[in-house]
N, C-alpha and C. Protein backbone atom coordinates (compact mmCIF):
# COMPACT_ATOMS: atom_id res chain seq x y z
N MET A 1 30.12 -45.71 6.47
CA MET A 1 30.77 -45.66 5.16
C MET A 1 29.86 -45.02 4.11
N ASN A 2 28.57 -45.32 4.15
CA ASN A 2 27.66 -44.77 3.16
C ASN A 2 27.60 -43.24 3.24
N GLN A 3 27.58 -42.71 4.47
CA GLN A 3 27.54 -41.26 4.63
C GLN A 3 28.79 -40.63 4.03
N PHE A 4 29.94 -41.26 4.24
CA PHE A 4 31.19 -40.73 3.70
C PHE A 4 31.15 -40.74 2.17
N ASN A 5 30.67 -41.85 1.59
CA ASN A 5 30.59 -41.96 0.13
C ASN A 5 29.63 -40.92 -0.44
N ASN A 6 28.50 -40.71 0.22
CA ASN A 6 27.53 -39.72 -0.26
C ASN A 6 28.15 -38.33 -0.25
N GLY A 7 28.86 -38.00 0.82
CA GLY A 7 29.52 -36.70 0.90
C GLY A 7 30.53 -36.53 -0.21
N GLY A 8 31.28 -37.58 -0.51
CA GLY A 8 32.27 -37.52 -1.58
C GLY A 8 31.63 -37.28 -2.93
N SER A 9 30.54 -37.98 -3.21
CA SER A 9 29.87 -37.81 -4.50
C SER A 9 29.25 -36.42 -4.60
N GLU A 10 28.73 -35.90 -3.48
CA GLU A 10 28.16 -34.54 -3.49
C GLU A 10 29.25 -33.52 -3.80
N ASN A 11 30.44 -33.71 -3.23
CA ASN A 11 31.54 -32.78 -3.50
C ASN A 11 31.93 -32.83 -4.97
N ILE A 12 31.95 -34.02 -5.55
CA ILE A 12 32.30 -34.16 -6.98
C ILE A 12 31.25 -33.44 -7.82
N ILE A 13 29.97 -33.64 -7.48
CA ILE A 13 28.89 -32.99 -8.23
C ILE A 13 29.00 -31.48 -8.10
N ARG A 14 29.31 -30.99 -6.89
CA ARG A 14 29.46 -29.54 -6.69
C ARG A 14 30.59 -29.00 -7.55
N LYS A 15 31.71 -29.72 -7.62
CA LYS A 15 32.84 -29.27 -8.44
C LYS A 15 32.44 -29.20 -9.91
N ILE A 16 31.71 -30.23 -10.36
CA ILE A 16 31.27 -30.25 -11.76
C ILE A 16 30.35 -29.07 -12.03
N ILE A 17 29.39 -28.82 -11.12
CA ILE A 17 28.45 -27.71 -11.30
C ILE A 17 29.20 -26.39 -11.33
N HIS A 18 30.20 -26.25 -10.45
CA HIS A 18 30.99 -25.02 -10.40
C HIS A 18 31.71 -24.80 -11.73
N LYS A 19 32.28 -25.86 -12.30
CA LYS A 19 32.97 -25.74 -13.59
C LYS A 19 31.98 -25.42 -14.69
N LEU A 20 30.80 -26.04 -14.64
CA LEU A 20 29.78 -25.77 -15.66
C LEU A 20 29.34 -24.31 -15.60
N LYS A 21 29.15 -23.78 -14.38
CA LYS A 21 28.74 -22.38 -14.24
C LYS A 21 29.79 -21.46 -14.82
N ALA A 22 31.06 -21.74 -14.56
CA ALA A 22 32.14 -20.91 -15.10
C ALA A 22 32.14 -20.98 -16.63
N ALA A 23 31.94 -22.17 -17.18
CA ALA A 23 31.92 -22.34 -18.63
C ALA A 23 30.73 -21.60 -19.23
N LEU A 24 29.57 -21.67 -18.57
CA LEU A 24 28.38 -20.98 -19.07
C LEU A 24 28.59 -19.48 -19.06
N LYS A 25 29.25 -18.95 -18.02
CA LYS A 25 29.53 -17.51 -17.97
C LYS A 25 30.40 -17.11 -19.15
N LEU A 26 31.43 -17.91 -19.44
CA LEU A 26 32.31 -17.61 -20.57
C LEU A 26 31.54 -17.65 -21.88
N LEU A 27 30.71 -18.68 -22.05
CA LEU A 27 29.92 -18.78 -23.27
C LEU A 27 28.97 -17.60 -23.40
N GLY A 28 28.39 -17.18 -22.27
CA GLY A 28 27.49 -16.02 -22.27
C GLY A 28 28.22 -14.76 -22.70
N LEU A 29 29.43 -14.56 -22.18
CA LEU A 29 30.21 -13.38 -22.55
C LEU A 29 30.55 -13.39 -24.04
N ILE A 30 30.96 -14.55 -24.55
CA ILE A 30 31.30 -14.67 -25.97
C ILE A 30 30.07 -14.39 -26.82
N PHE A 31 28.93 -14.94 -26.40
CA PHE A 31 27.67 -14.74 -27.12
C PHE A 31 27.30 -13.26 -27.14
N LEU A 32 27.41 -12.58 -25.98
CA LEU A 32 27.09 -11.15 -25.91
C LEU A 32 28.02 -10.33 -26.78
N LEU A 33 29.31 -10.68 -26.78
CA LEU A 33 30.27 -9.95 -27.61
C LEU A 33 29.91 -10.09 -29.09
N ARG A 34 29.55 -11.30 -29.50
CA ARG A 34 29.18 -11.52 -30.91
C ARG A 34 27.90 -10.77 -31.24
N LEU A 35 26.93 -10.80 -30.32
CA LEU A 35 25.68 -10.06 -30.54
C LEU A 35 25.97 -8.58 -30.68
N SER A 36 26.82 -8.04 -29.80
CA SER A 36 27.10 -6.60 -29.84
C SER A 36 27.77 -6.22 -31.16
N LYS A 37 28.62 -7.09 -31.69
CA LYS A 37 29.25 -6.80 -32.99
C LYS A 37 28.20 -6.73 -34.09
N ILE A 38 27.18 -7.57 -33.97
CA ILE A 38 26.11 -7.58 -34.98
C ILE A 38 25.18 -6.38 -34.79
N LEU A 39 24.85 -6.07 -33.52
CA LEU A 39 23.84 -5.05 -33.24
C LEU A 39 24.38 -3.63 -33.29
N ILE A 40 25.63 -3.42 -32.89
CA ILE A 40 26.16 -2.06 -32.79
C ILE A 40 26.14 -1.33 -34.14
N PRO A 41 26.53 -1.94 -35.25
CA PRO A 41 26.45 -1.22 -36.53
C PRO A 41 25.03 -0.78 -36.86
N GLU A 42 24.04 -1.63 -36.59
CA GLU A 42 22.65 -1.26 -36.85
C GLU A 42 22.26 -0.07 -35.99
N ASN A 43 22.64 -0.11 -34.72
CA ASN A 43 22.29 0.98 -33.81
C ASN A 43 22.97 2.27 -34.23
N SER A 44 24.23 2.21 -34.65
CA SER A 44 24.94 3.42 -35.04
C SER A 44 24.32 4.01 -36.30
N ILE A 45 23.82 3.17 -37.19
CA ILE A 45 23.15 3.66 -38.40
C ILE A 45 21.85 4.36 -38.00
N LEU A 46 21.11 3.76 -37.06
CA LEU A 46 19.86 4.36 -36.60
C LEU A 46 20.12 5.71 -35.94
N ILE A 47 21.20 5.81 -35.18
CA ILE A 47 21.51 7.06 -34.48
C ILE A 47 21.85 8.15 -35.51
N LYS A 48 22.60 7.81 -36.55
CA LYS A 48 22.96 8.78 -37.58
C LYS A 48 21.71 9.16 -38.38
């Protein structure tokens, strides 16, 4: 029974980690988009 319970808890932890990774990727994309909005005008001014 203990082995079965351990496997179940590991699966739950894996699912949580998988969801966290997906959320972090989304947050990273949003962060990069916001950074690019801030940085692109400065870069375009430098290029001109």
